[in-house]
Amino acid sequence: MRERFGFVGSPVTSDEAFGCDTWLLDRIAGLNRWYFAEMPKNTLAWIDRPQTVIPPCSGRWRKPERVVLIDGQPSPQKVEHIAESLPAESWSHHIIKEGSEGPIVADFAALRVNNVRNALPGYEVWLVLRRNITTGELKFYLSNAPVEIELKTLVRISGMRWPIETCFEDGKQWLGMGD
């Protein structure tokens, strides 16, 4: 069954370990699914897509086939630095979910960036930033969700892994695997 944005099923969410696996993320996207993956702070992305070119043939060797960055194009930035450069008005308070001790609230910002594939610009994705309002800790997510998606949907998805991880922890304890 096709969903509203042309993607099939629910988003695939992942922690940093799987979020770093670009092969996996590209395969998920290739299956017409969308992902919402946590990333480490040193993940690279371009805010603006840099220009690329296939170099002209010099006549001495095979015709070049590999795309390269045009000289003088900016390097990709760490998502941590992108977050630091955002103005205060880019951030907004959102309730992620209701917790056992009340609502879990965080500041969120989201912007479109170009991911990095083999040191070249890949495709355009969402960079979703979540900042703990108490500690200031930042979490970074990349998602190939459609451009039309609302921030409130991305906020909700950012909290979807917690119940599943809690289930895994409880299950391990009940089976005696925690010892």
N, C-alpha and C. Protein backbone atom coordinates (compact mmCIF):
# COMPACT_ATOMS: atom_id res chain seq x y z
N MET A 1 0.84 -1.19 0.00
CA MET A 1 0.00 0.00 0.00
C MET A 1 0.88 1.25 0.00
N ARG A 2 0.63 2.15 -0.89
CA ARG A 2 1.41 3.39 -0.98
C ARG A 2 0.89 4.40 0.03
N GLU A 3 1.83 5.08 0.65
CA GLU A 3 1.46 6.11 1.60
C GLU A 3 1.34 7.44 0.89
N ARG A 4 1.00 8.43 1.63
CA ARG A 4 0.72 9.76 1.12
C ARG A 4 1.86 10.38 0.32
N PHE A 5 3.10 10.12 0.69
CA PHE A 5 4.23 10.76 0.03
C PHE A 5 4.90 9.87 -1.00
N GLY A 6 4.26 8.78 -1.39
CA GLY A 6 4.84 7.92 -2.40
C GLY A 6 5.78 6.88 -1.84
N PHE A 7 5.92 6.81 -0.52
CA PHE A 7 6.79 5.82 0.10
C PHE A 7 5.92 4.71 0.67
N VAL A 8 6.46 3.52 0.74
CA VAL A 8 5.73 2.36 1.22
C VAL A 8 6.00 2.17 2.70
N GLY A 9 4.95 1.92 3.49
CA GLY A 9 5.10 1.55 4.90
C GLY A 9 5.58 2.67 5.81
N SER A 10 5.98 2.26 6.99
CA SER A 10 6.46 3.19 8.02
C SER A 10 7.93 3.49 7.80
N PRO A 11 8.41 4.58 8.40
CA PRO A 11 9.84 4.89 8.26
C PRO A 11 10.69 3.85 8.99
N VAL A 12 11.87 3.62 8.47
CA VAL A 12 12.85 2.77 9.14
C VAL A 12 13.68 3.70 10.01
N THR A 13 13.69 3.45 11.32
CA THR A 13 14.47 4.28 12.23
C THR A 13 15.70 3.49 12.68
N SER A 14 16.76 4.22 12.99
CA SER A 14 17.98 3.53 13.43
C SER A 14 18.79 4.41 14.36
N ASP A 15 19.67 3.74 15.09
CA ASP A 15 20.61 4.45 15.95
C ASP A 15 21.85 4.82 15.14
N GLU A 16 22.85 5.41 15.81
CA GLU A 16 24.07 5.85 15.13
C GLU A 16 24.80 4.72 14.42
N ALA A 17 24.82 3.54 15.01
CA ALA A 17 25.57 2.42 14.43
C ALA A 17 25.06 2.11 13.02
N PHE A 18 23.76 2.04 12.85
CA PHE A 18 23.20 1.77 11.52
C PHE A 18 23.11 3.04 10.69
N GLY A 19 22.97 4.20 11.34
CA GLY A 19 22.90 5.46 10.62
C GLY A 19 24.17 5.79 9.87
N CYS A 20 25.31 5.28 10.34
CA CYS A 20 26.59 5.51 9.67
C CYS A 20 26.77 4.64 8.43
N ASP A 21 25.91 3.65 8.27
CA ASP A 21 26.05 2.70 7.17
C ASP A 21 25.34 3.26 5.93
N THR A 22 26.08 4.00 5.12
CA THR A 22 25.48 4.63 3.94
C THR A 22 24.97 3.60 2.94
N TRP A 23 25.62 2.45 2.87
CA TRP A 23 25.15 1.38 1.98
C TRP A 23 23.74 0.97 2.38
N LEU A 24 23.52 0.77 3.68
CA LEU A 24 22.20 0.37 4.17
C LEU A 24 21.16 1.45 3.89
N LEU A 25 21.49 2.70 4.19
CA LEU A 25 20.55 3.80 3.97
C LEU A 25 20.17 3.93 2.49
N ASP A 26 21.16 3.78 1.63
CA ASP A 26 20.88 3.86 0.19
C ASP A 26 20.00 2.70 -0.27
N ARG A 27 20.17 1.53 0.33
CA ARG A 27 19.32 0.38 -0.03
C ARG A 27 17.89 0.59 0.45
N ILE A 28 17.73 1.16 1.63
CA ILE A 28 16.39 1.46 2.14
C ILE A 28 15.70 2.43 1.19
N ALA A 29 16.41 3.49 0.81
CA ALA A 29 15.85 4.48 -0.12
C ALA A 29 15.54 3.83 -1.47
N GLY A 30 16.40 2.91 -1.92
CA GLY A 30 16.21 2.23 -3.19
C GLY A 30 14.98 1.32 -3.20
N LEU A 31 14.52 0.93 -2.01
CA LEU A 31 13.31 0.11 -1.89
C LEU A 31 12.06 0.97 -1.76
N ASN A 32 12.22 2.28 -2.03
CA ASN A 32 11.11 3.23 -1.95
C ASN A 32 10.58 3.35 -0.52
N ARG A 33 11.48 3.18 0.44
CA ARG A 33 11.17 3.36 1.86
C ARG A 33 11.90 4.60 2.33
N TRP A 34 11.45 5.17 3.41
CA TRP A 34 12.21 6.28 3.95
C TRP A 34 12.73 5.95 5.32
N TYR A 35 13.88 6.54 5.62
CA TYR A 35 14.57 6.27 6.87
C TYR A 35 14.66 7.54 7.70
N PHE A 36 14.87 7.32 8.98
CA PHE A 36 15.11 8.39 9.94
C PHE A 36 16.23 7.86 10.83
N ALA A 37 17.47 8.24 10.53
CA ALA A 37 18.63 7.62 11.15
C ALA A 37 19.42 8.61 11.99
N GLU A 38 19.72 8.20 13.22
CA GLU A 38 20.58 9.02 14.08
C GLU A 38 22.00 8.98 13.52
N MET A 39 22.69 10.10 13.60
CA MET A 39 24.04 10.23 13.05
C MET A 39 24.99 10.75 14.12
N PRO A 40 26.27 10.42 14.01
CA PRO A 40 27.25 11.05 14.90
C PRO A 40 27.46 12.51 14.51
N LYS A 41 27.99 13.28 15.44
CA LYS A 41 28.15 14.72 15.21
C LYS A 41 29.16 15.06 14.13
N ASN A 42 30.01 14.10 13.75
CA ASN A 42 31.01 14.39 12.73
C ASN A 42 30.56 13.97 11.32
N THR A 43 29.29 13.62 11.17
CA THR A 43 28.74 13.30 9.85
C THR A 43 28.84 14.55 8.97
N LEU A 44 29.21 14.35 7.72
CA LEU A 44 29.39 15.48 6.80
C LEU A 44 28.18 15.67 5.91
N ALA A 45 27.91 16.95 5.59
CA ALA A 45 26.83 17.31 4.67
C ALA A 45 27.11 18.68 4.09
N TRP A 46 26.51 18.96 2.96
CA TRP A 46 26.58 20.29 2.35
C TRP A 46 25.25 20.98 2.56
N ILE A 47 25.29 22.24 2.98
CA ILE A 47 24.05 23.02 3.08
C ILE A 47 23.56 23.36 1.67
N ASP A 48 24.47 23.77 0.81
CA ASP A 48 24.15 24.03 -0.60
C ASP A 48 24.90 23.03 -1.45
N ARG A 49 24.23 22.48 -2.42
CA ARG A 49 24.85 21.46 -3.28
C ARG A 49 26.01 22.08 -4.06
N PRO A 50 27.22 21.52 -3.92
CA PRO A 50 28.35 22.04 -4.70
C PRO A 50 28.26 21.61 -6.15
N GLN A 51 28.92 22.33 -7.00
CA GLN A 51 28.90 22.01 -8.42
C GLN A 51 29.91 20.90 -8.72
N THR A 52 29.52 20.01 -9.60
CA THR A 52 30.39 18.91 -10.02
C THR A 52 30.48 18.90 -11.54
N VAL A 53 31.47 18.18 -12.04
CA VAL A 53 31.67 18.09 -13.49
C VAL A 53 32.42 16.79 -13.79
N ILE A 54 32.23 16.30 -14.99
CA ILE A 54 33.09 15.22 -15.50
C ILE A 54 34.20 15.94 -16.26
N PRO A 55 35.45 15.75 -15.84
CA PRO A 55 36.55 16.49 -16.47
C PRO A 55 36.62 16.21 -17.98
N PRO A 56 37.06 17.20 -18.75
CA PRO A 56 37.19 16.97 -20.19
C PRO A 56 38.32 15.98 -20.48
N CYS A 57 38.23 15.34 -21.60
CA CYS A 57 39.22 14.36 -22.01
C CYS A 57 40.48 15.09 -22.48
N SER A 58 41.63 14.65 -21.99
CA SER A 58 42.89 15.28 -22.40
C SER A 58 43.40 14.68 -23.70
N GLY A 59 42.80 13.58 -24.13
CA GLY A 59 43.19 12.95 -25.37
C GLY A 59 44.26 11.89 -25.20
N ARG A 60 44.91 11.85 -24.04
CA ARG A 60 46.00 10.89 -23.83
C ARG A 60 45.52 9.60 -23.18
N TRP A 61 44.45 9.65 -22.44
CA TRP A 61 43.97 8.49 -21.71
C TRP A 61 42.49 8.26 -22.06
N ARG A 62 41.92 7.28 -21.38
CA ARG A 62 40.49 7.04 -21.56
C ARG A 62 39.69 8.28 -21.18
N LYS A 63 38.56 8.43 -21.78
CA LYS A 63 37.68 9.55 -21.46
C LYS A 63 37.24 9.41 -20.00
N PRO A 64 37.38 10.49 -19.20
CA PRO A 64 36.96 10.42 -17.79
C PRO A 64 35.46 10.16 -17.67
N GLU A 65 35.10 9.34 -16.69
CA GLU A 65 33.69 9.01 -16.45
C GLU A 65 33.26 9.41 -15.04
N ARG A 66 34.22 9.65 -14.17
CA ARG A 66 33.93 9.92 -12.76
C ARG A 66 33.70 11.42 -12.55
N VAL A 67 32.61 11.73 -11.87
CA VAL A 67 32.28 13.11 -11.53
C VAL A 67 33.23 13.58 -10.44
N VAL A 68 33.67 14.84 -10.51
CA VAL A 68 34.52 15.44 -9.48
C VAL A 68 33.95 16.81 -9.11
N LEU A 69 34.33 17.29 -7.94
CA LEU A 69 33.95 18.64 -7.53
C LEU A 69 34.71 19.65 -8.37
N ILE A 70 34.04 20.73 -8.73
CA ILE A 70 34.71 21.82 -9.43
C ILE A 70 35.62 22.51 -8.43
N ASP A 71 36.82 22.89 -8.87
CA ASP A 71 37.77 23.58 -7.99
C ASP A 71 37.12 24.80 -7.36
N GLY A 72 37.42 25.00 -6.10
CA GLY A 72 36.90 26.16 -5.37
C GLY A 72 35.56 25.94 -4.70
N GLN A 73 34.96 24.79 -4.88
CA GLN A 73 33.67 24.49 -4.24
C GLN A 73 33.91 24.23 -2.75
N PRO A 74 32.95 24.60 -1.91
CA PRO A 74 33.13 24.40 -0.47
C PRO A 74 33.17 22.92 -0.11
N SER A 75 33.87 22.63 0.97
CA SER A 75 33.91 21.27 1.50
C SER A 75 32.64 21.03 2.30
N PRO A 76 32.27 19.77 2.49
CA PRO A 76 31.11 19.49 3.34
C PRO A 76 31.45 19.87 4.78
N GLN A 77 30.43 20.16 5.56
CA GLN A 77 30.59 20.54 6.96
C GLN A 77 30.11 19.43 7.88
N LYS A 78 30.67 19.39 9.07
CA LYS A 78 30.16 18.47 10.08
C LYS A 78 28.78 18.96 10.51
N VAL A 79 27.86 18.03 10.75
CA VAL A 79 26.51 18.43 11.15
C VAL A 79 26.54 19.21 12.46
N GLU A 80 27.52 18.94 13.30
CA GLU A 80 27.68 19.68 14.55
C GLU A 80 27.91 21.17 14.26
N HIS A 81 28.74 21.47 13.26
CA HIS A 81 29.01 22.86 12.91
C HIS A 81 27.81 23.52 12.25
N ILE A 82 27.07 22.75 11.47
CA ILE A 82 25.85 23.28 10.86
C ILE A 82 24.87 23.68 11.97
N ALA A 83 24.73 22.83 12.98
CA ALA A 83 23.82 23.13 14.11
C ALA A 83 24.25 24.39 14.84
N GLU A 84 25.55 24.54 15.07
CA GLU A 84 26.06 25.71 15.78
C GLU A 84 25.83 27.00 15.01
N SER A 85 25.77 26.91 13.68
CA SER A 85 25.62 28.12 12.86
C SER A 85 24.17 28.55 12.68
N LEU A 86 23.22 27.74 13.13
CA LEU A 86 21.81 28.10 12.95
C LEU A 86 21.41 29.24 13.88
N PRO A 87 20.64 30.20 13.38
CA PRO A 87 20.15 31.27 14.25
C PRO A 87 19.12 30.74 15.25
N ALA A 88 18.94 31.45 16.34
CA ALA A 88 18.02 31.03 17.41
C ALA A 88 16.60 30.81 16.90
N GLU A 89 16.16 31.60 15.92
CA GLU A 89 14.78 31.47 15.43
C GLU A 89 14.57 30.19 14.61
N SER A 90 15.63 29.46 14.29
CA SER A 90 15.49 28.18 13.57
C SER A 90 15.01 27.07 14.49
N TRP A 91 15.14 27.28 15.80
CA TRP A 91 14.80 26.24 16.78
C TRP A 91 13.40 26.49 17.34
N SER A 92 12.68 25.40 17.65
CA SER A 92 11.37 25.52 18.27
C SER A 92 11.15 24.38 19.25
N HIS A 93 10.38 24.68 20.32
CA HIS A 93 10.04 23.68 21.35
C HIS A 93 8.97 22.72 20.82
N HIS A 94 9.16 21.43 21.10
CA HIS A 94 8.18 20.43 20.70
C HIS A 94 8.09 19.35 21.76
N ILE A 95 6.90 18.82 21.96
CA ILE A 95 6.72 17.66 22.83
C ILE A 95 6.98 16.43 21.97
N ILE A 96 7.98 15.64 22.38
CA ILE A 96 8.31 14.43 21.63
C ILE A 96 7.27 13.36 21.92
N LYS A 97 6.98 13.17 23.19
CA LYS A 97 5.99 12.18 23.61
C LYS A 97 5.69 12.41 25.07
N GLU A 98 4.67 11.74 25.56
CA GLU A 98 4.33 11.79 26.97
C GLU A 98 5.14 10.72 27.69
N GLY A 99 5.91 11.13 28.70
CA GLY A 99 6.70 10.19 29.48
C GLY A 99 6.00 9.84 30.78
N SER A 100 6.60 8.96 31.55
CA SER A 100 6.00 8.54 32.82
C SER A 100 5.99 9.68 33.84
N GLU A 101 6.88 10.66 33.65
CA GLU A 101 6.95 11.80 34.57
C GLU A 101 6.51 13.10 33.89
N GLY A 102 5.71 12.98 32.86
CA GLY A 102 5.23 14.16 32.14
C GLY A 102 5.78 14.19 30.73
N PRO A 103 5.45 15.26 30.00
CA PRO A 103 5.88 15.32 28.60
C PRO A 103 7.40 15.45 28.46
N ILE A 104 7.92 14.81 27.42
CA ILE A 104 9.34 14.94 27.08
C ILE A 104 9.43 16.00 25.99
N VAL A 105 10.12 17.09 26.33
CA VAL A 105 10.18 18.25 25.45
C VAL A 105 11.62 18.48 25.01
N ALA A 106 11.80 18.91 23.77
CA ALA A 106 13.13 19.25 23.26
C ALA A 106 12.98 20.37 22.23
N ASP A 107 14.10 21.01 21.94
CA ASP A 107 14.15 22.00 20.86
C ASP A 107 14.52 21.27 19.58
N PHE A 108 13.87 21.64 18.49
CA PHE A 108 14.13 21.01 17.20
C PHE A 108 14.40 22.06 16.13
N ALA A 109 15.23 21.67 15.18
CA ALA A 109 15.45 22.45 13.96
C ALA A 109 15.60 21.43 12.84
N ALA A 110 15.17 21.80 11.65
CA ALA A 110 15.30 20.90 10.50
C ALA A 110 15.59 21.73 9.26
N LEU A 111 16.49 21.23 8.43
CA LEU A 111 16.80 21.89 7.18
C LEU A 111 17.22 20.85 6.16
N ARG A 112 17.09 21.21 4.90
CA ARG A 112 17.49 20.32 3.83
C ARG A 112 18.98 20.48 3.58
N VAL A 113 19.67 19.37 3.45
CA VAL A 113 21.11 19.35 3.16
C VAL A 113 21.36 18.29 2.10
N ASN A 114 22.55 18.29 1.55
CA ASN A 114 22.97 17.24 0.62
C ASN A 114 23.90 16.30 1.35
N ASN A 115 23.57 15.01 1.34
CA ASN A 115 24.44 14.06 2.01
C ASN A 115 25.70 13.83 1.19
N VAL A 116 26.66 13.15 1.78
CA VAL A 116 27.95 12.89 1.14
C VAL A 116 28.03 11.42 0.78
N ARG A 117 28.35 11.14 -0.47
CA ARG A 117 28.55 9.79 -0.96
C ARG A 117 29.86 9.76 -1.74
N ASN A 118 30.83 9.00 -1.24
CA ASN A 118 32.15 8.88 -1.89
C ASN A 118 32.79 10.25 -2.13
N ALA A 119 32.74 11.11 -1.12
CA ALA A 119 33.33 12.45 -1.14
C ALA A 119 32.66 13.39 -2.14
N LEU A 120 31.50 13.01 -2.65
CA LEU A 120 30.74 13.83 -3.59
C LEU A 120 29.34 14.06 -3.03
N PRO A 121 28.64 15.08 -3.55
CA PRO A 121 27.27 15.28 -3.08
C PRO A 121 26.37 14.13 -3.51
N GLY A 122 25.60 13.65 -2.56
CA GLY A 122 24.63 12.60 -2.84
C GLY A 122 23.29 13.24 -3.14
N TYR A 123 22.26 12.79 -2.44
CA TYR A 123 20.93 13.35 -2.66
C TYR A 123 20.53 14.23 -1.49
N GLU A 124 19.49 15.01 -1.70
CA GLU A 124 19.02 15.94 -0.69
C GLU A 124 18.22 15.19 0.37
N VAL A 125 18.53 15.47 1.64
CA VAL A 125 17.88 14.82 2.78
C VAL A 125 17.57 15.87 3.84
N TRP A 126 16.78 15.45 4.82
CA TRP A 126 16.53 16.30 5.97
C TRP A 126 17.63 16.10 7.00
N LEU A 127 18.14 17.18 7.54
CA LEU A 127 18.98 17.16 8.73
C LEU A 127 18.08 17.63 9.86
N VAL A 128 17.79 16.73 10.79
CA VAL A 128 16.93 17.05 11.92
C VAL A 128 17.82 17.12 13.16
N LEU A 129 17.70 18.22 13.88
CA LEU A 129 18.51 18.45 15.08
C LEU A 129 17.60 18.48 16.29
N ARG A 130 17.96 17.75 17.33
CA ARG A 130 17.18 17.73 18.57
C ARG A 130 18.10 18.11 19.72
N ARG A 131 17.71 19.15 20.45
CA ARG A 131 18.53 19.65 21.57
C ARG A 131 17.76 19.48 22.86
N ASN A 132 18.38 18.80 23.83
CA ASN A 132 17.79 18.63 25.16
C ASN A 132 17.72 20.00 25.82
N ILE A 133 16.53 20.40 26.29
CA ILE A 133 16.38 21.75 26.83
C ILE A 133 17.03 21.90 28.20
N THR A 134 17.31 20.79 28.88
CA THR A 134 17.94 20.84 30.20
C THR A 134 19.46 20.80 30.09
N THR A 135 19.98 19.83 29.34
CA THR A 135 21.43 19.63 29.27
C THR A 135 22.09 20.27 28.06
N GLY A 136 21.31 20.60 27.03
CA GLY A 136 21.86 21.15 25.81
C GLY A 136 22.45 20.09 24.88
N GLU A 137 22.34 18.79 25.26
CA GLU A 137 22.87 17.72 24.42
C GLU A 137 22.16 17.72 23.07
N LEU A 138 22.95 17.58 22.01
CA LEU A 138 22.42 17.57 20.66
C LEU A 138 22.38 16.16 20.09
N LYS A 139 21.31 15.84 19.39
CA LYS A 139 21.19 14.61 18.62
C LYS A 139 21.01 15.01 17.17
N PHE A 140 21.58 14.23 16.28
CA PHE A 140 21.57 14.54 14.85
C PHE A 140 20.93 13.38 14.10
N TYR A 141 20.03 13.70 13.17
CA TYR A 141 19.35 12.69 12.37
C TYR A 141 19.37 13.11 10.91
N LEU A 142 19.49 12.15 10.03
CA LEU A 142 19.29 12.38 8.60
C LEU A 142 18.10 11.55 8.18
N SER A 143 17.29 12.12 7.29
CA SER A 143 16.11 11.41 6.80
C SER A 143 15.86 11.76 5.35
N ASN A 144 15.52 10.74 4.59
CA ASN A 144 15.16 10.97 3.20
C ASN A 144 13.65 11.17 3.05
N ALA A 145 13.00 11.60 4.13
CA ALA A 145 11.57 11.88 4.09
C ALA A 145 11.28 12.94 3.03
N PRO A 146 10.08 12.93 2.50
CA PRO A 146 9.73 13.90 1.45
C PRO A 146 9.85 15.35 1.92
N VAL A 147 10.08 16.22 0.97
CA VAL A 147 10.21 17.65 1.26
C VAL A 147 8.97 18.18 1.96
N GLU A 148 7.79 17.65 1.60
CA GLU A 148 6.52 18.16 2.11
C GLU A 148 6.23 17.76 3.55
N ILE A 149 7.03 16.91 4.15
CA ILE A 149 6.73 16.41 5.50
C ILE A 149 6.79 17.56 6.50
N GLU A 150 5.95 17.48 7.51
CA GLU A 150 5.91 18.53 8.53
C GLU A 150 6.91 18.21 9.64
N LEU A 151 7.43 19.26 10.27
CA LEU A 151 8.39 19.08 11.35
C LEU A 151 7.78 18.27 12.48
N LYS A 152 6.50 18.45 12.77
CA LYS A 152 5.88 17.71 13.87
C LYS A 152 5.92 16.21 13.63
N THR A 153 5.89 15.78 12.37
CA THR A 153 6.00 14.36 12.05
C THR A 153 7.41 13.86 12.32
N LEU A 154 8.41 14.66 11.94
CA LEU A 154 9.80 14.28 12.21
C LEU A 154 10.08 14.25 13.71
N VAL A 155 9.47 15.17 14.46
CA VAL A 155 9.61 15.19 15.93
C VAL A 155 9.05 13.90 16.51
N ARG A 156 7.86 13.51 16.08
CA ARG A 156 7.24 12.29 16.59
C ARG A 156 8.10 11.07 16.30
N ILE A 157 8.64 11.00 15.09
CA ILE A 157 9.46 9.85 14.70
C ILE A 157 10.74 9.80 15.52
N SER A 158 11.27 10.96 15.93
CA SER A 158 12.50 10.97 16.72
C SER A 158 12.34 10.25 18.05
N GLY A 159 11.11 10.10 18.52
CA GLY A 159 10.86 9.40 19.78
C GLY A 159 10.35 7.99 19.62
N MET A 160 10.27 7.49 18.39
CA MET A 160 9.69 6.16 18.16
C MET A 160 10.58 5.00 18.61
N ARG A 161 11.89 5.19 18.66
CA ARG A 161 12.78 4.07 19.01
C ARG A 161 12.74 3.75 20.50
N TRP A 162 12.45 4.74 21.34
CA TRP A 162 12.50 4.52 22.79
C TRP A 162 11.63 3.35 23.25
N PRO A 163 10.35 3.28 22.87
CA PRO A 163 9.54 2.16 23.33
C PRO A 163 10.08 0.80 22.88
N ILE A 164 10.62 0.75 21.68
CA ILE A 164 11.16 -0.51 21.17
C ILE A 164 12.41 -0.90 21.95
N GLU A 165 13.30 0.07 22.19
CA GLU A 165 14.52 -0.24 22.95
C GLU A 165 14.18 -0.64 24.38
N THR A 166 13.17 -0.03 24.98
CA THR A 166 12.73 -0.40 26.33
C THR A 166 12.22 -1.84 26.33
N CYS A 167 11.48 -2.20 25.29
CA CYS A 167 10.99 -3.58 25.15
C CYS A 167 12.16 -4.56 25.09
N PHE A 168 13.18 -4.23 24.30
CA PHE A 168 14.35 -5.11 24.19
C PHE A 168 15.04 -5.27 25.55
N GLU A 169 15.23 -4.14 26.25
CA GLU A 169 15.88 -4.20 27.57
C GLU A 169 15.08 -5.05 28.54
N ASP A 170 13.76 -4.83 28.59
CA ASP A 170 12.90 -5.62 29.49
C ASP A 170 12.95 -7.10 29.13
N GLY A 171 12.88 -7.40 27.84
CA GLY A 171 12.91 -8.79 27.39
C GLY A 171 14.20 -9.49 27.78
N LYS A 172 15.32 -8.78 27.65
CA LYS A 172 16.61 -9.37 28.05
C LYS A 172 16.64 -9.67 29.54
N GLN A 173 16.07 -8.77 30.32
CA GLN A 173 16.03 -8.99 31.77
C GLN A 173 15.15 -10.20 32.11
N TRP A 174 14.00 -10.28 31.49
CA TRP A 174 13.07 -11.39 31.77
C TRP A 174 13.66 -12.73 31.35
N LEU A 175 14.47 -12.73 30.30
CA LEU A 175 15.09 -13.98 29.84
C LEU A 175 16.39 -14.30 30.57
N GLY A 176 16.83 -13.38 31.44
CA GLY A 176 18.07 -13.59 32.17
C GLY A 176 19.31 -13.24 31.38
N MET A 177 19.14 -12.55 30.25
CA MET A 177 20.28 -12.19 29.41
C MET A 177 20.99 -10.93 29.90
N GLY A 178 20.41 -10.26 30.88
CA GLY A 178 21.01 -9.05 31.42
C GLY A 178 22.12 -9.33 32.42
N ASP A 179 22.25 -10.57 32.86
CA ASP A 179 23.26 -10.92 33.87
C ASP A 179 24.55 -11.43 33.24
